[in-house]
């Protein structure tokens, strides 16, 4: 696969990774010509945590490995709340 076969989208705090995998192989042995083809669409949805900075997100596709870095928003404290015990 190449980076052109993969697409990244963010919808409603979900990272959606989708694409299409294609493979073709051919060989000729003893007068017989053989061709194999396989293909298929894939899609995965990964929930994103709160407080991520999508404007600074980076994606890289190298040697068949997709690496995605999504940093947290700087200076934003985590939501903390005390619950009173009655």
PDB file of N, CA and C in Angstrom:
ATOM      1  N   UNK A   1       0.839  -1.177   0.000  1.00  0.00           N
ATOM      2  CA  UNK A   1       0.000   0.000   0.000  1.00  0.00           C
ATOM      3  C   UNK A   1       0.885   1.242   0.000  1.00  0.00           C
ATOM      4  N   UNK A   2       0.343   2.317  -0.512  1.00  0.00           N
ATOM      5  CA  UNK A   2       1.039   3.592  -0.496  1.00  0.00           C
ATOM      6  C   UNK A   2       0.191   4.609   0.250  1.00  0.00           C
ATOM      7  N   UNK A   3       0.763   5.783   0.491  1.00  0.00           N
ATOM      8  CA  UNK A   3       0.012   6.799   1.222  1.00  0.00           C
ATOM      9  C   UNK A   3      -1.196   7.289   0.422  1.00  0.00           C
ATOM     10  N   UNK A   4      -1.206   7.089  -0.894  1.00  0.00           N
ATOM     11  CA  UNK A   4      -2.367   7.471  -1.702  1.00  0.00           C
ATOM     12  C   UNK A   4      -3.553   6.537  -1.487  1.00  0.00           C
ATOM     13  N   UNK A   5      -3.317   5.342  -0.942  1.00  0.00           N
ATOM     14  CA  UNK A   5      -4.378   4.366  -0.707  1.00  0.00           C
ATOM     15  C   UNK A   5      -5.079   4.557   0.632  1.00  0.00           C
ATOM     16  N   UNK A   6      -4.561   5.453   1.488  1.00  0.00           N
ATOM     17  CA  UNK A   6      -5.095   5.633   2.846  1.00  0.00           C
ATOM     18  C   UNK A   6      -5.620   7.059   3.003  1.00  0.00           C
ATOM     19  N   UNK A   7      -6.748   7.201   3.707  1.00  0.00           N
ATOM     20  CA  UNK A   7      -7.340   8.514   3.958  1.00  0.00           C
ATOM     21  C   UNK A   7      -7.650   8.648   5.446  1.00  0.00           C
ATOM     22  N   UNK A   8      -7.343   9.820   6.016  1.00  0.00           N
ATOM     23  CA  UNK A   8      -7.614  10.108   7.420  1.00  0.00           C
ATOM     24  C   UNK A   8      -8.642  11.240   7.505  1.00  0.00           C
ATOM     25  N   UNK A   9      -9.647  11.064   8.356  1.00  0.00           N
ATOM     26  CA  UNK A   9     -10.664  12.093   8.591  1.00  0.00           C
ATOM     27  C   UNK A   9     -10.988  12.125  10.071  1.00  0.00           C
ATOM     28  N   UNK A  10     -11.441  13.280  10.548  1.00  0.00           N
ATOM     29  CA  UNK A  10     -11.920  13.399  11.919  1.00  0.00           C
ATOM     30  C   UNK A  10     -13.372  13.829  11.851  1.00  0.00           C
ATOM     31  N   UNK A  11     -14.246  13.032  12.485  1.00  0.00           N
ATOM     32  CA  UNK A  11     -15.676  13.331  12.526  1.00  0.00           C
ATOM     33  C   UNK A  11     -16.175  13.089  13.944  1.00  0.00           C
ATOM     34  N   UNK A  12     -16.706  14.138  14.560  1.00  0.00           N
ATOM     35  CA  UNK A  12     -17.311  14.006  15.899  1.00  0.00           C
ATOM     36  C   UNK A  12     -16.385  13.318  16.894  1.00  0.00           C
ATOM     37  N   UNK A  13     -15.182  13.821  17.048  1.00  0.00           N
ATOM     38  CA  UNK A  13     -14.191  13.282  17.984  1.00  0.00           C
ATOM     39  C   UNK A  13     -13.803  11.830  17.706  1.00  0.00           C
ATOM     40  N   UNK A  14     -13.927  11.419  16.462  1.00  0.00           N
ATOM     41  CA  UNK A  14     -13.510  10.081  16.042  1.00  0.00           C
ATOM     42  C   UNK A  14     -12.537  10.231  14.884  1.00  0.00           C
ATOM     43  N   UNK A  15     -11.424   9.519  14.956  1.00  0.00           N
ATOM     44  CA  UNK A  15     -10.476   9.464  13.852  1.00  0.00           C
ATOM     45  C   UNK A  15     -10.883   8.292  12.972  1.00  0.00           C
ATOM     46  N   UNK A  16     -11.108   8.560  11.688  1.00  0.00           N
ATOM     47  CA  UNK A  16     -11.535   7.517  10.768  1.00  0.00           C
ATOM     48  C   UNK A  16     -10.411   7.278   9.765  1.00  0.00           C
ATOM     49  N   UNK A  17      -9.913   6.043   9.776  1.00  0.00           N
ATOM     50  CA  UNK A  17      -8.863   5.623   8.854  1.00  0.00           C
ATOM     51  C   UNK A  17      -9.529   4.711   7.833  1.00  0.00           C
ATOM     52  N   UNK A  18      -9.454   5.087   6.562  1.00  0.00           N
ATOM     53  CA  UNK A  18     -10.076   4.271   5.528  1.00  0.00           C
ATOM     54  C   UNK A  18      -9.154   4.195   4.322  1.00  0.00           C
ATOM     55  N   UNK A  19      -9.430   3.228   3.474  1.00  0.00           N
ATOM     56  CA  UNK A  19      -8.620   3.082   2.277  1.00  0.00           C
ATOM     57  C   UNK A  19      -9.000   1.851   1.498  1.00  0.00           C
ATOM     58  N   UNK A  20      -8.193   1.593   0.479  1.00  0.00           N
ATOM     59  CA  UNK A  20      -8.430   0.439  -0.360  1.00  0.00           C
ATOM     60  C   UNK A  20      -7.109  -0.278  -0.602  1.00  0.00           C
ATOM     61  N   UNK A  21      -7.142  -1.566  -0.417  1.00  0.00           N
ATOM     62  CA  UNK A  21      -5.959  -2.398  -0.594  1.00  0.00           C
ATOM     63  C   UNK A  21      -6.097  -3.130  -1.926  1.00  0.00           C
ATOM     64  N   UNK A  22      -5.063  -3.029  -2.768  1.00  0.00           N
ATOM     65  CA  UNK A  22      -5.072  -3.690  -4.064  1.00  0.00           C
ATOM     66  C   UNK A  22      -3.781  -4.478  -4.237  1.00  0.00           C
ATOM     67  N   UNK A  23      -3.909  -5.670  -4.808  1.00  0.00           N
ATOM     68  CA  UNK A  23      -2.745  -6.523  -5.037  1.00  0.00           C
ATOM     69  C   UNK A  23      -2.946  -7.272  -6.351  1.00  0.00           C
ATOM     70  N   UNK A  24      -1.905  -7.333  -7.159  1.00  0.00           N
ATOM     71  CA  UNK A  24      -1.977  -8.079  -8.411  1.00  0.00           C
ATOM     72  C   UNK A  24      -0.668  -8.827  -8.611  1.00  0.00           C
ATOM     73  N   UNK A  25      -0.770 -10.081  -9.008  1.00  0.00           N
ATOM     74  CA  UNK A  25       0.396 -10.926  -9.224  1.00  0.00           C
ATOM     75  C   UNK A  25       0.177 -11.725 -10.505  1.00  0.00           C
ATOM     76  N   UNK A  26       1.236 -11.877 -11.281  1.00  0.00           N
ATOM     77  CA  UNK A  26       1.112 -12.696 -12.492  1.00  0.00           C
ATOM     78  C   UNK A  26       2.394 -13.506 -12.663  1.00  0.00           C
ATOM     79  N   UNK A  27       2.234 -14.670 -13.285  1.00  0.00           N
ATOM     80  CA  UNK A  27       3.399 -15.520 -13.572  1.00  0.00           C
ATOM     81  C   UNK A  27       3.090 -16.392 -14.783  1.00  0.00           C
ATOM     82  N   UNK A  28       4.157 -16.850 -15.417  1.00  0.00           N
ATOM     83  CA  UNK A  28       4.007 -17.731 -16.571  1.00  0.00           C
ATOM     84  C   UNK A  28       4.917 -18.932 -16.355  1.00  0.00           C
ATOM     85  N   UNK A  29       4.309 -20.126 -16.298  1.00  0.00           N
ATOM     86  CA  UNK A  29       5.048 -21.359 -16.053  1.00  0.00           C
ATOM     87  C   UNK A  29       4.564 -22.435 -17.011  1.00  0.00           C
ATOM     88  N   UNK A  30       5.458 -23.062 -17.684  1.00  0.00           N
ATOM     89  CA  UNK A  30       5.182 -24.212 -18.566  1.00  0.00           C
ATOM     90  C   UNK A  30       4.007 -23.926 -19.513  1.00  0.00           C
ATOM     91  N   UNK A  31       4.006 -22.748 -20.103  1.00  0.00           N
ATOM     92  CA  UNK A  31       2.967 -22.415 -21.078  1.00  0.00           C
ATOM     93  C   UNK A  31       1.663 -21.938 -20.466  1.00  0.00           C
ATOM     94  N   UNK A  32       1.569 -21.877 -19.139  1.00  0.00           N
ATOM     95  CA  UNK A  32       0.345 -21.391 -18.473  1.00  0.00           C
ATOM     96  C   UNK A  32       0.602 -19.987 -17.936  1.00  0.00           C
ATOM     97  N   UNK A  33      -0.347 -19.126 -18.157  1.00  0.00           N
ATOM     98  CA  UNK A  33      -0.248 -17.753 -17.667  1.00  0.00           C
ATOM     99  C   UNK A  33      -1.244 -17.596 -16.529  1.00  0.00           C
ATOM    100  N   UNK A  34      -0.766 -17.170 -15.343  1.00  0.00           N
ATOM    101  CA  UNK A  34      -1.620 -17.073 -14.152  1.00  0.00           C
ATOM    102  C   UNK A  34      -1.609 -15.635 -13.648  1.00  0.00           C
ATOM    103  N   UNK A  35      -2.799 -15.104 -13.350  1.00  0.00           N
ATOM    104  CA  UNK A  35      -2.954 -13.757 -12.803  1.00  0.00           C
ATOM    105  C   UNK A  35      -3.841 -13.851 -11.564  1.00  0.00           C
ATOM    106  N   UNK A  36      -3.369 -13.265 -10.468  1.00  0.00           N
ATOM    107  CA  UNK A  36      -4.168 -13.209  -9.236  1.00  0.00           C
ATOM    108  C   UNK A  36      -4.375 -11.757  -8.860  1.00  0.00           C
ATOM    109  N   UNK A  37      -5.599 -11.424  -8.485  1.00  0.00           N
ATOM    110  CA  UNK A  37      -5.920 -10.073  -8.046  1.00  0.00           C
ATOM    111  C   UNK A  37      -6.733 -10.162  -6.759  1.00  0.00           C
ATOM    112  N   UNK A  38      -6.411  -9.274  -5.843  1.00  0.00           N
ATOM    113  CA  UNK A  38      -7.220  -9.164  -4.626  1.00  0.00           C
ATOM    114  C   UNK A  38      -7.344  -7.690  -4.286  1.00  0.00           C
ATOM    115  N   UNK A  39      -8.498  -7.314  -3.761  1.00  0.00           N
ATOM    116  CA  UNK A  39      -8.726  -5.928  -3.402  1.00  0.00           C
ATOM    117  C   UNK A  39      -9.821  -5.879  -2.350  1.00  0.00           C
ATOM    118  N   UNK A  40      -9.876  -4.775  -1.659  1.00  0.00           N
ATOM    119  CA  UNK A  40     -10.915  -4.617  -0.650  1.00  0.00           C
ATOM    120  C   UNK A  40     -10.809  -3.270   0.039  1.00  0.00           C
ATOM    121  N   UNK A  41     -11.934  -2.768   0.484  1.00  0.00           N
ATOM    122  CA  UNK A  41     -12.015  -1.495   1.190  1.00  0.00           C
ATOM    123  C   UNK A  41     -11.982  -1.769   2.697  1.00  0.00           C
ATOM    124  N   UNK A  42     -11.308  -0.912   3.449  1.00  0.00           N
ATOM    125  CA  UNK A  42     -11.280  -1.047   4.902  1.00  0.00           C
ATOM    126  C   UNK A  42     -11.571   0.301   5.541  1.00  0.00           C
ATOM    127  N   UNK A  43     -12.075   0.250   6.771  1.00  0.00           N
ATOM    128  CA  UNK A  43     -12.353   1.473   7.535  1.00  0.00           C
ATOM    129  C   UNK A  43     -12.317   1.137   9.021  1.00  0.00           C
ATOM    130  N   UNK A  44     -11.634   1.978   9.782  1.00  0.00           N
ATOM    131  CA  UNK A  44     -11.553   1.835  11.237  1.00  0.00           C
ATOM    132  C   UNK A  44     -11.845   3.181  11.867  1.00  0.00           C
ATOM    133  N   UNK A  45     -12.554   3.180  12.982  1.00  0.00           N
ATOM    134  CA  UNK A  45     -12.857   4.410  13.719  1.00  0.00           C
ATOM    135  C   UNK A  45     -12.212   4.300  15.099  1.00  0.00           C
ATOM    136  N   UNK A  46     -11.435   5.321  15.455  1.00  0.00           N
ATOM    137  CA  UNK A  46     -10.716   5.342  16.730  1.00  0.00           C
ATOM    138  C   UNK A  46     -11.173   6.588  17.491  1.00  0.00           C
ATOM    139  N   UNK A  47     -11.704   6.419  18.715  1.00  0.00           N
ATOM    140  CA  UNK A  47     -12.123   7.611  19.476  1.00  0.00           C
ATOM    141  C   UNK A  47     -10.915   8.443  19.902  1.00  0.00           C
ATOM    142  N   UNK A  48     -11.043   9.765  19.771  1.00  0.00           N
ATOM    143  CA  UNK A  48      -9.984  10.679  20.191  1.00  0.00           C
ATOM    144  C   UNK A  48     -10.275  11.184  21.598  1.00  0.00           C
ATOM    145  N   UNK A  49      -9.260  11.323  22.430  1.00  0.00           N
ATOM    146  CA  UNK A  49      -9.477  11.860  23.778  1.00  0.00           C
ATOM    147  C   UNK A  49      -9.789  13.356  23.712  1.00  0.00           C
ATOM    148  N   UNK A  50     -10.358  13.873  24.777  1.00  0.00           N
ATOM    149  CA  UNK A  50     -10.653  15.306  24.858  1.00  0.00           C
ATOM    150  C   UNK A  50      -9.352  16.088  24.981  1.00  0.00           C
ATOM    151  N   UNK A  51      -9.350  17.304  24.444  1.00  0.00           N
ATOM    152  CA  UNK A  51      -8.192  18.170  24.606  1.00  0.00           C
ATOM    153  C   UNK A  51      -7.081  17.960  23.603  1.00  0.00           C
ATOM    154  N   UNK A  52      -7.383  17.423  22.415  1.00  0.00           N
ATOM    155  CA  UNK A  52      -6.342  17.265  21.402  1.00  0.00           C
ATOM    156  C   UNK A  52      -6.353  18.457  20.453  1.00  0.00           C
ATOM    157  N   UNK A  53      -5.192  18.782  19.917  1.00  0.00           N
ATOM    158  CA  UNK A  53      -5.027  19.915  19.010  1.00  0.00           C
ATOM    159  C   UNK A  53      -4.929  19.376  17.584  1.00  0.00           C
ATOM    160  N   UNK A  54      -6.051  19.339  16.874  1.00  0.00           N
ATOM    161  CA  UNK A  54      -6.070  18.780  15.524  1.00  0.00           C
ATOM    162  C   UNK A  54      -5.345  19.660  14.518  1.00  0.00           C
ATOM    163  N   UNK A  55      -5.163  20.946  14.829  1.00  0.00           N
ATOM    164  CA  UNK A  55      -4.448  21.835  13.925  1.00  0.00           C
ATOM    165  C   UNK A  55      -2.960  21.489  13.845  1.00  0.00           C
ATOM    166  N   UNK A  56      -2.435  20.847  14.881  1.00  0.00           N
ATOM    167  CA  UNK A  56      -1.018  20.462  14.905  1.00  0.00           C
ATOM    168  C   UNK A  56      -0.817  18.969  14.669  1.00  0.00           C
ATOM    169  N   UNK A  57      -1.856  18.272  14.225  1.00  0.00           N
ATOM    170  CA  UNK A  57      -1.752  16.831  13.972  1.00  0.00           C
ATOM    171  C   UNK A  57      -0.847  16.579  12.769  1.00  0.00           C
ATOM    172  N   UNK A  58      -0.056  15.505  12.842  1.00  0.00           N
ATOM    173  CA  UNK A  58       0.863  15.121  11.778  1.00  0.00           C
ATOM    174  C   UNK A  58       0.677  13.642  11.467  1.00  0.00           C
ATOM    175  N   UNK A  59       0.680  13.322  10.175  1.00  0.00           N
ATOM    176  CA  UNK A  59       0.581  11.925   9.750  1.00  0.00           C
ATOM    177  C   UNK A  59       1.723  11.633   8.792  1.00  0.00           C
ATOM    178  N   UNK A  60       2.277  10.420   8.917  1.00  0.00           N
ATOM    179  CA  UNK A  60       3.380   9.998   8.049  1.00  0.00           C
ATOM    180  C   UNK A  60       3.158   8.534   7.675  1.00  0.00           C
ATOM    181  N   UNK A  61       3.396   8.206   6.427  1.00  0.00           N
ATOM    182  CA  UNK A  61       3.268   6.836   5.935  1.00  0.00           C
ATOM    183  C   UNK A  61       4.609   6.438   5.348  1.00  0.00           C
ATOM    184  N   UNK A  62       5.273   5.496   5.990  1.00  0.00           N
ATOM    185  CA  UNK A  62       6.613   5.102   5.575  1.00  0.00           C
ATOM    186  C   UNK A  62       6.763   3.595   5.691  1.00  0.00           C
ATOM    187  N   UNK A  63       7.196   2.948   4.615  1.00  0.00           N
ATOM    188  CA  UNK A  63       7.412   1.492   4.585  1.00  0.00           C
ATOM    189  C   UNK A  63       6.179   0.717   5.028  1.00  0.00           C
ATOM    190  N   UNK A  64       4.989   1.180   4.626  1.00  0.00           N
ATOM    191  CA  UNK A  64       3.752   0.489   4.962  1.00  0.00           C
ATOM    192  C   UNK A  64       3.244   0.733   6.368  1.00  0.00           C
ATOM    193  N   UNK A  65       3.864   1.649   7.116  1.00  0.00           N
ATOM    194  CA  UNK A  65       3.463   1.938   8.492  1.00  0.00           C
ATOM    195  C   UNK A  65       2.927   3.366   8.563  1.00  0.00           C
ATOM    196  N   UNK A  66       1.702   3.511   9.041  1.00  0.00           N
ATOM    197  CA  UNK A  66       1.086   4.818   9.228  1.00  0.00           C
ATOM    198  C   UNK A  66       1.343   5.282  10.654  1.00  0.00           C
ATOM    199  N   UNK A  67       1.950   6.458  10.806  1.00  0.00           N
ATOM    200  CA  UNK A  67       2.221   7.039  12.121  1.00  0.00           C
ATOM    201  C   UNK A  67       1.459   8.348  12.211  1.00  0.00           C
ATOM    202  N   UNK A  68       0.649   8.490  13.242  1.00  0.00           N
ATOM    203  CA  UNK A  68      -0.153   9.694  13.444  1.00  0.00           C
ATOM    204  C   UNK A  68       0.169  10.259  14.815  1.00  0.00           C
ATOM    205  N   UNK A  69       0.499  11.543  14.860  1.00  0.00           N
ATOM    206  CA  UNK A  69       0.783  12.231  16.124  1.00  0.00           C
ATOM    207  C   UNK A  69      -0.221  13.355  16.288  1.00  0.00           C
ATOM    208  N   UNK A  70      -0.957  13.310  17.397  1.00  0.00           N
ATOM    209  CA  UNK A  70      -1.953  14.335  17.709  1.00  0.00           C
ATOM    210  C   UNK A  70      -1.628  14.860  19.106  1.00  0.00           C
ATOM    211  N   UNK A  71      -1.014  16.051  19.183  1.00  0.00           N
ATOM    212  CA  UNK A  71      -0.636  16.577  20.503  1.00  0.00           C
ATOM    213  C   UNK A  71      -1.853  17.108  21.264  1.00  0.00           C
ATOM    214  N   UNK A  72      -1.696  17.192  22.565  1.00  0.00           N
ATOM    215  CA  UNK A  72      -2.730  17.781  23.400  1.00  0.00           C
ATOM    216  C   UNK A  72      -2.634  19.296  23.331  1.00  0.00           C
ATOM    217  N   UNK A  73      -3.730  19.961  23.640  1.00  0.00           N
ATOM    218  CA  UNK A  73      -3.743  21.421  23.668  1.00  0.00           C
ATOM    219  C   UNK A  73      -2.872  21.875  24.839  1.00  0.00           C
ATOM    220  N   UNK A  74      -1.931  22.780  24.580  1.00  0.00           N
ATOM    221  CA  UNK A  74      -1.006  23.250  25.613  1.00  0.00           C
ATOM    222  C   UNK A  74      -1.730  24.106  26.638  1.00  0.00           C
ATOM    223  N   UNK A  75      -1.444  23.863  27.884  1.00  0.00           N
ATOM    224  CA  UNK A  75      -1.946  24.689  28.968  1.00  0.00           C
ATOM    225  C   UNK A  75      -3.370  24.414  29.398  1.00  0.00           C
ATOM    226  N   UNK A  76      -4.029  23.486  28.764  1.00  0.00           N
ATOM    227  CA  UNK A  76      -5.404  23.198  29.153  1.00  0.00           C
ATOM    228  C   UNK A  76      -5.404  22.182  30.290  1.00  0.00           C
ATOM    229  N   UNK A  77      -5.896  22.586  31.468  1.00  0.00           N
ATOM    230  CA  UNK A  77      -5.914  21.636  32.586  1.00  0.00           C
ATOM    231  C   UNK A  77      -6.970  20.557  32.355  1.00  0.00           C
ATOM    232  N   UNK A  78      -6.721  19.410  32.939  1.00  0.00           N
ATOM    233  CA  UNK A  78      -7.703  18.343  32.832  1.00  0.00           C
ATOM    234  C   UNK A  78      -8.912  18.683  33.691  1.00  0.00           C
ATOM    235  N   UNK A  79     -10.051  18.250  33.257  1.00  0.00           N
ATOM    236  CA  UNK A  79     -11.286  18.546  33.981  1.00  0.00           C
ATOM    237  C   UNK A  79     -11.297  17.764  35.293  1.00  0.00           C
ATOM    238  N   UNK A  80     -11.419  18.477  36.380  1.00  0.00           N
ATOM    239  CA  UNK A  80     -11.423  17.854  37.699  1.00  0.00           C
ATOM    240  C   UNK A  80     -12.562  18.472  38.490  1.00  0.00           C
ATOM    241  N   UNK A  81     -13.293  17.625  39.178  1.00  0.00           N
ATOM    242  CA  UNK A  81     -14.442  18.098  39.932  1.00  0.00           C
ATOM    243  C   UNK A  81     -14.608  17.229  41.157  1.00  0.00           C
ATOM    244  N   UNK A  82     -14.831  17.877  42.261  1.00  0.00           N
ATOM    245  CA  UNK A  82     -15.085  17.131  43.510  1.00  0.00           C
ATOM    246  C   UNK A  82     -16.559  16.800  43.587  1.00  0.00           C
ATOM    247  N   UNK A  83     -16.824  15.611  44.093  1.00  0.00           N
ATOM    248  CA  UNK A  83     -18.197  15.168  44.277  1.00  0.00           C
ATOM    249  C   UNK A  83     -18.419  15.050  45.780  1.00  0.00           C
ATOM    250  N   UNK A  84     -19.410  15.752  46.242  1.00  0.00           N
ATOM    251  CA  UNK A  84     -19.711  15.737  47.670  1.00  0.00           C
ATOM    252  C   UNK A  84     -20.382  14.438  48.057  1.00  0.00           C
ATOM    253  N   UNK A  85     -19.936  13.866  49.175  1.00  0.00           N
ATOM    254  CA  UNK A  85     -20.509  12.625  49.687  1.00  0.00           C
ATOM    255  C   UNK A  85     -21.574  12.995  50.691  1.00  0.00           C
ATOM    256  N   UNK A  86     -22.748  12.487  50.519  1.00  0.00           N
ATOM    257  CA  UNK A  86     -23.879  12.796  51.428  1.00  0.00           C
ATOM    258  C   UNK A  86     -24.157  11.660  52.352  1.00  0.00           C
TER     259      UNK A  86
END
